[in-house]
Amino acid sequence: MNWKEVRVTTSQEAEEAVVNLFYEAGAKGTAIESAANLSAIRDNKTVNYVDDRILAMDPETSCVTGYLPDDENFETQLRQIKQGLSHLLEWGLDPGARTVTVREMAEEDWANSWKQFYKPTKIGDKIVIKPTWEPYTAQAGEMIVNMDPGMAFGTGTHETTQLCVLALEKYLHPDDLVYDVGCGSGILSIVAGKLGAQKVVGVDFDPVAVDAARSNVALNDLSEQVGIEEGDLLEVISQDHQADLVVSNILAEVIIRLADSIRLYLKDDGIFIASGIIHEHLNEVKNALKIRAFDIVATDAMGEWDVVVARKLVQ
């Protein structure tokens, strides 16, 4: 099979939204090129490859590349992506240049193009995100999360993922029940399992994401501990099973919309970790959570992004 490589130039703050547009259109993989993202990790001793070409890019610009089958559905999928790009401003995101280029790729070129972008990355004190083909010897106390980027939505280098991992390291307790809302590739679900959660349930409405997450869970031998479900949180999990901790790395407006539901699925004094929040929307998210009887425990920032850690108050 041949493939179409679709490349979108956008702003750094909109890159995750553009990735979502690709997967909603049926993309089989994406890659993000961002000078700001690479600069944030280049001094990490576990990162053994940094592309100087990407570091030379405008720090406010990101290039998101998606891969779609070259078949009769391609033109429809491309129109869907372009329509989504036209809505970025309405979603409160800087759309950037929004240029779109397309080129054809043979099967073997598509498969090999992934590997230059994905290298082992350490996040926090314990977690190392490692592509399956990359050699890496774990140091004392490190936990390896194996990922296959051919199926996954990122490998954990984005600031929002790192913020969530750092918060999980701090607030997750052994034997916790954890829900990962909008689990994508399953990175945060896997990290929660590695950190000792008794049971983790990741949910995502995208069947491509669900397949990727289940594959990555299996790669890490966590299939009995970590379950991945397709659908909405309200549809796939009973309110009778309230979590000790809920983590969600999605956009600010989605966090606000789901806040009432998140509260229903958390135990009293349970922790909600929310990221995918650009600086401009941080206070909006905090206020929405306070209105819904959450206490803001902590916030943290990395690049243009924030994480909020909130505790469900007893009423």
Protein backbone atom coordinates (compact mmCIF):
# COMPACT_ATOMS: atom_id res chain seq x y z
CA MET A 1 0.00 0.00 0.00
CA ASN A 2 1.15 3.54 -0.74
CA TRP A 3 0.58 6.44 1.64
CA LYS A 4 0.00 10.16 1.61
CA GLU A 5 2.14 12.27 3.93
CA VAL A 6 0.16 15.37 4.94
CA ARG A 7 2.20 18.12 6.62
CA VAL A 8 0.53 20.99 8.50
CA THR A 9 2.43 24.05 9.72
CA THR A 10 0.73 25.47 12.80
CA SER A 11 1.54 27.08 16.16
CA GLN A 12 3.05 25.19 19.07
CA GLU A 13 -0.07 25.69 21.19
CA ALA A 14 -2.28 24.15 18.49
CA GLU A 15 -0.13 21.11 17.72
CA GLU A 16 -2.05 18.68 19.93
CA ALA A 17 -5.36 19.82 18.45
CA VAL A 18 -3.96 19.26 14.95
CA VAL A 19 -2.81 15.76 15.96
CA ASN A 20 -6.39 15.07 17.08
CA LEU A 21 -7.69 16.29 13.71
CA PHE A 22 -5.45 13.80 11.93
CA TYR A 23 -6.64 10.86 14.01
CA GLU A 24 -10.29 11.87 13.75
CA ALA A 25 -9.80 11.79 9.97
CA GLY A 26 -8.33 8.28 10.13
CA ALA A 27 -4.56 8.88 10.13
CA LYS A 28 -2.44 5.84 10.95
CA GLY A 29 0.32 7.84 12.60
CA THR A 30 1.60 11.35 13.26
CA ALA A 31 4.87 13.10 14.03
CA ILE A 32 5.43 16.52 15.60
CA GLU A 33 8.44 18.67 14.77
CA SER A 34 8.85 21.52 17.25
CA ALA A 35 11.96 23.43 18.26
CA ALA A 36 10.36 24.34 21.59
CA ASN A 37 9.59 20.71 22.44
CA LEU A 38 13.10 19.55 21.60
CA SER A 39 14.71 22.43 23.48
CA ALA A 40 12.81 21.38 26.60
CA ILE A 41 14.41 17.93 26.59
CA ARG A 42 17.77 18.38 24.84
CA ASP A 43 19.76 18.58 28.10
CA ASN A 44 18.21 15.39 29.48
CA LYS A 45 21.05 12.87 29.72
CA THR A 46 18.80 10.00 28.61
CA VAL A 47 18.02 11.68 25.27
CA ASN A 48 20.64 10.48 22.82
CA TYR A 49 19.39 12.17 19.64
CA VAL A 50 18.36 15.75 18.93
CA ASP A 51 17.69 16.92 15.38
CA ASP A 52 19.49 20.27 14.89
CA ARG A 53 17.32 20.98 11.86
CA ILE A 54 14.25 21.07 14.11
CA LEU A 55 16.03 23.15 16.74
CA ALA A 56 16.58 25.80 14.05
CA MET A 57 12.81 26.18 13.52
CA ASP A 58 10.84 29.17 14.79
CA PRO A 59 10.12 28.28 18.46
CA GLU A 60 6.50 29.38 18.03
CA THR A 61 5.95 27.05 15.07
CA SER A 62 5.20 23.34 14.97
CA CYS A 63 4.93 21.03 11.98
CA VAL A 64 2.52 18.13 12.38
CA THR A 65 2.82 15.33 9.85
CA GLY A 66 0.14 12.70 9.41
CA TYR A 67 0.04 9.54 7.32
CA LEU A 68 -3.09 8.45 5.45
CA PRO A 69 -3.67 5.54 3.07
CA ASP A 70 -3.53 6.57 -0.59
CA ASP A 71 -7.01 5.30 -1.47
CA GLU A 72 -10.46 6.52 -2.49
CA ASN A 73 -11.08 8.06 0.95
CA PHE A 74 -8.04 10.34 0.95
CA GLU A 75 -9.62 13.47 -0.55
CA THR A 76 -12.52 13.29 1.92
CA GLN A 77 -10.10 12.85 4.80
CA LEU A 78 -7.98 15.79 3.62
CA ARG A 79 -11.06 18.03 3.43
CA GLN A 80 -12.00 17.01 6.98
CA ILE A 81 -8.54 17.99 8.24
CA LYS A 82 -8.67 21.35 6.46
CA GLN A 83 -12.14 22.06 7.85
CA GLY A 84 -10.87 21.31 11.35
CA LEU A 85 -7.95 23.69 10.86
CA SER A 86 -10.39 26.45 10.03
CA HIS A 87 -11.94 26.05 13.52
CA LEU A 88 -8.72 26.37 15.57
CA LEU A 89 -9.28 30.07 16.24
CA GLU A 90 -12.81 29.35 17.48
CA TRP A 91 -11.30 26.87 19.96
CA GLY A 92 -9.11 29.62 21.40
CA LEU A 93 -5.92 28.38 19.71
CA ASP A 94 -3.49 30.30 17.53
CA PRO A 95 -3.75 28.49 14.16
CA GLY A 96 -0.33 29.61 12.96
CA ALA A 97 0.38 29.50 9.25
CA ARG A 98 -2.04 26.60 8.65
CA THR A 99 -0.21 25.61 5.47
CA VAL A 100 -0.92 22.10 4.19
CA THR A 101 1.36 20.12 1.88
CA VAL A 102 0.91 16.58 0.57
CA ARG A 103 3.37 14.08 -0.87
CA GLU A 104 3.20 10.43 -1.80
CA MET A 105 5.13 7.79 0.13
CA ALA A 106 5.81 4.14 -0.57
CA GLU A 107 5.04 1.62 2.19
CA GLU A 108 8.69 1.08 3.10
CA ASP A 109 9.38 4.83 3.32
CA TRP A 110 6.37 5.36 5.61
CA ALA A 111 7.45 2.57 7.95
CA ASN A 112 11.03 3.80 8.25
CA SER A 113 10.21 7.51 8.60
CA TRP A 114 9.01 7.00 12.19
CA LYS A 115 12.30 5.85 13.61
CA GLN A 116 14.28 9.06 13.23
CA PHE A 117 11.88 10.94 15.52
CA TYR A 118 11.60 8.60 18.50
CA LYS A 119 14.36 8.09 21.07
CA PRO A 120 14.30 7.15 24.78
CA THR A 121 13.18 10.01 27.00
CA LYS A 122 13.26 10.19 30.77
CA ILE A 123 10.43 12.01 32.55
CA GLY A 124 10.66 12.81 36.24
CA ASP A 125 12.60 10.58 38.60
CA LYS A 126 11.51 7.15 37.42
CA ILE A 127 9.79 6.94 34.04
CA VAL A 128 11.66 6.34 30.77
CA ILE A 129 9.59 6.30 27.57
CA LYS A 130 11.34 3.95 25.13
CA PRO A 131 10.48 3.02 21.51
CA THR A 132 10.55 -0.75 21.21
CA TRP A 133 13.45 -0.84 18.75
CA GLU A 134 15.76 1.45 20.76
CA PRO A 135 18.28 -0.17 23.14
CA TYR A 136 18.26 1.23 26.65
CA THR A 137 19.62 -0.12 29.92
CA ALA A 138 17.49 0.90 32.89
CA GLN A 139 19.33 2.61 35.70
CA ALA A 140 18.56 1.92 39.36
CA GLY A 141 14.99 2.91 40.19
CA GLU A 142 13.92 3.59 36.60
CA MET A 143 10.73 2.18 35.10
CA ILE A 144 10.66 1.55 31.35
CA VAL A 145 7.50 2.28 29.34
CA ASN A 146 7.79 0.54 25.97
CA MET A 147 5.95 2.22 23.11
CA ASP A 148 5.50 1.49 19.42
CA PRO A 149 5.20 4.92 17.78
CA GLY A 150 3.86 3.29 14.63
CA MET A 151 0.61 2.88 16.55
CA ALA A 152 0.85 5.58 19.19
CA PHE A 153 -0.10 9.24 19.52
CA GLY A 154 3.27 10.57 20.63
CA THR A 155 5.87 8.99 22.86
CA GLY A 156 5.65 11.18 25.91
CA THR A 157 7.95 14.05 25.00
CA HIS A 158 5.21 16.68 24.84
CA GLU A 159 5.00 19.02 27.83
CA THR A 160 1.41 18.04 28.69
CA THR A 161 2.34 14.36 28.95
CA GLN A 162 5.41 15.15 31.03
CA LEU A 163 3.38 17.34 33.40
CA CYS A 164 0.89 14.51 33.91
CA VAL A 165 3.65 11.96 34.53
CA LEU A 166 5.27 14.22 37.12
CA ALA A 167 1.92 14.66 38.87
CA LEU A 168 1.26 10.91 38.79
CA GLU A 169 4.64 10.28 40.41
CA LYS A 170 3.69 12.66 43.22
CA TYR A 171 0.00 11.94 43.85
CA LEU A 172 -0.63 8.30 42.84
CA HIS A 173 -0.58 5.83 45.73
CA PRO A 174 -0.04 2.08 45.48
CA ASP A 175 -3.31 0.17 45.08
CA ASP A 176 -5.19 3.23 43.72
CA LEU A 177 -7.99 2.79 41.21
CA VAL A 178 -7.14 5.14 38.32
CA TYR A 179 -9.17 6.36 35.32
CA ASP A 180 -7.39 7.86 32.30
CA VAL A 181 -9.91 9.93 30.33
CA GLY A 182 -8.94 10.44 26.69
CA CYS A 183 -6.14 7.90 27.00
CA GLY A 184 -4.83 8.17 23.43
CA SER A 185 -1.78 5.93 23.08
CA GLY A 186 -2.17 4.69 26.65
CA ILE A 187 1.03 6.31 27.94
CA LEU A 188 -0.53 7.66 31.14
CA SER A 189 -2.47 4.46 31.79
CA ILE A 190 0.75 2.48 31.47
CA VAL A 191 2.67 4.90 33.69
CA ALA A 192 -0.04 4.60 36.36
CA GLY A 193 0.26 0.82 36.20
CA LYS A 194 4.04 0.97 36.45
CA LEU A 195 3.75 3.25 39.49
CA GLY A 196 1.70 0.63 41.33
CA ALA A 197 -1.97 1.40 40.73
CA GLN A 198 -4.07 -1.63 41.55
CA LYS A 199 -6.30 -1.13 38.53
CA VAL A 200 -6.26 1.36 35.66
CA VAL A 201 -9.01 1.96 33.12
CA GLY A 202 -8.24 4.13 30.09
CA VAL A 203 -11.11 5.36 27.95
CA ASP A 204 -11.15 6.99 24.52
CA PHE A 205 -13.89 7.47 21.96
CA ASP A 206 -11.49 6.94 19.03
CA PRO A 207 -11.22 3.27 17.99
CA VAL A 208 -7.77 3.89 16.48
CA ALA A 209 -6.58 5.24 19.84
CA VAL A 210 -8.10 2.28 21.66
CA ASP A 211 -6.31 -0.24 19.41
CA ALA A 212 -3.02 1.62 19.86
CA ALA A 213 -3.41 1.81 23.63
CA ARG A 214 -4.26 -1.88 23.97
CA SER A 215 -1.21 -2.80 21.91
CA ASN A 216 1.05 -0.62 24.04
CA VAL A 217 -0.42 -2.02 27.26
CA ALA A 218 0.38 -5.52 26.00
CA LEU A 219 3.94 -4.44 25.11
CA ASN A 220 4.40 -3.56 28.78
CA ASP A 221 2.86 -6.81 30.12
CA LEU A 222 0.12 -4.89 31.92
CA SER A 223 -3.00 -6.33 30.26
CA GLU A 224 -4.35 -7.76 33.53
CA GLN A 225 -3.76 -4.52 35.44
CA VAL A 226 -4.63 -1.93 32.77
CA GLY A 227 -7.83 -2.07 30.74
CA ILE A 228 -8.63 0.12 27.73
CA GLU A 229 -12.25 0.81 26.79
CA GLU A 230 -13.79 2.51 23.77
CA GLY A 231 -16.43 5.15 24.39
CA ASP A 232 -17.37 7.93 26.75
CA LEU A 233 -16.52 7.73 30.45
CA LEU A 234 -20.21 7.74 31.33
CA GLU A 235 -20.90 4.84 28.96
CA VAL A 236 -18.16 2.37 29.86
CA ILE A 237 -17.61 2.78 33.60
CA SER A 238 -20.16 2.41 36.39
CA GLN A 239 -20.46 5.22 38.92
CA ASP A 240 -20.49 2.50 41.57
CA HIS A 241 -16.73 2.18 41.04
CA GLN A 242 -15.34 5.54 41.99
CA ALA A 243 -11.64 6.15 41.38
CA ASP A 244 -8.97 7.34 43.77
CA LEU A 245 -7.42 9.33 40.94
CA VAL A 246 -8.51 10.53 37.50
CA VAL A 247 -6.01 11.85 34.95
CA SER A 248 -6.94 13.58 31.70
CA ASN A 249 -4.60 15.11 29.12
CA ILE A 250 -7.05 16.85 26.80
CA LEU A 251 -7.98 20.42 25.85
CA ALA A 252 -9.13 22.98 28.42
CA GLU A 253 -12.64 23.29 27.05
CA VAL A 254 -13.12 19.51 27.22
CA ILE A 255 -11.87 19.43 30.81
CA ILE A 256 -14.41 22.11 31.74
CA ARG A 257 -17.19 20.23 29.96
CA LEU A 258 -16.33 16.95 31.70
CA ALA A 259 -15.77 18.38 35.19
CA ASP A 260 -19.21 17.40 36.50
CA SER A 261 -18.79 13.85 35.22
CA ILE A 262 -15.27 13.60 36.63
CA ARG A 263 -16.62 14.51 40.06
CA LEU A 264 -19.18 11.68 39.87
CA TYR A 265 -16.43 9.16 39.18
CA LEU A 266 -14.06 10.28 41.95
CA LYS A 267 -14.13 9.21 45.57
CA ASP A 268 -14.36 11.93 48.22
CA ASP A 269 -10.90 13.50 48.55
CA GLY A 270 -9.94 11.87 45.24
CA ILE A 271 -7.36 13.54 42.98
CA PHE A 272 -8.02 14.92 39.49
CA ILE A 273 -4.95 15.62 37.32
CA ALA A 274 -5.80 17.70 34.24
CA SER A 275 -3.45 18.93 31.51
CA GLY A 276 -3.65 20.00 27.88
CA ILE A 277 -4.26 23.52 29.23
CA ILE A 278 -2.53 26.48 27.58
CA HIS A 279 -1.61 29.36 29.90
CA GLU A 280 -4.44 31.58 28.67
CA HIS A 281 -7.07 29.10 29.85
CA LEU A 282 -5.54 28.12 33.20
CA ASN A 283 -7.70 30.40 35.37
CA GLU A 284 -10.79 29.40 33.42
CA VAL A 285 -10.16 25.72 34.23
CA LYS A 286 -9.33 26.44 37.87
CA ASN A 287 -12.52 28.48 38.33
CA ALA A 288 -14.64 25.80 36.67
CA LEU A 289 -13.24 23.19 39.04
CA LYS A 290 -13.74 25.38 42.11
CA ILE A 291 -17.38 25.95 41.14
CA ARG A 292 -17.80 22.16 41.04
CA ALA A 293 -16.41 21.74 44.57
CA PHE A 294 -12.80 20.90 43.79
CA ASP A 295 -9.94 22.29 45.82
CA ILE A 296 -6.95 23.33 43.69
CA VAL A 297 -4.02 21.47 45.24
CA ALA A 298 -1.28 22.52 42.82
CA THR A 299 -0.47 23.82 39.36
CA ASP A 300 2.68 23.45 37.33
CA ALA A 301 3.84 24.74 33.96
CA MET A 302 6.14 23.62 31.17
CA GLY A 303 6.56 25.61 27.98
CA GLU A 304 3.17 27.01 27.03
CA TRP A 305 1.24 24.39 28.98
CA ASP A 306 -0.14 23.89 32.48
CA VAL A 307 -1.34 21.06 34.66
CA VAL A 308 -3.91 21.43 37.43
CA VAL A 309 -4.10 19.03 40.37
CA ALA A 310 -7.43 19.25 42.20
CA ARG A 311 -9.02 17.36 45.09
CA LYS A 312 -12.72 16.52 45.30
CA LEU A 313 -14.19 18.21 48.34
CA VAL A 314 -16.67 16.37 50.55
CA GLN A 315 -20.11 18.01 50.43
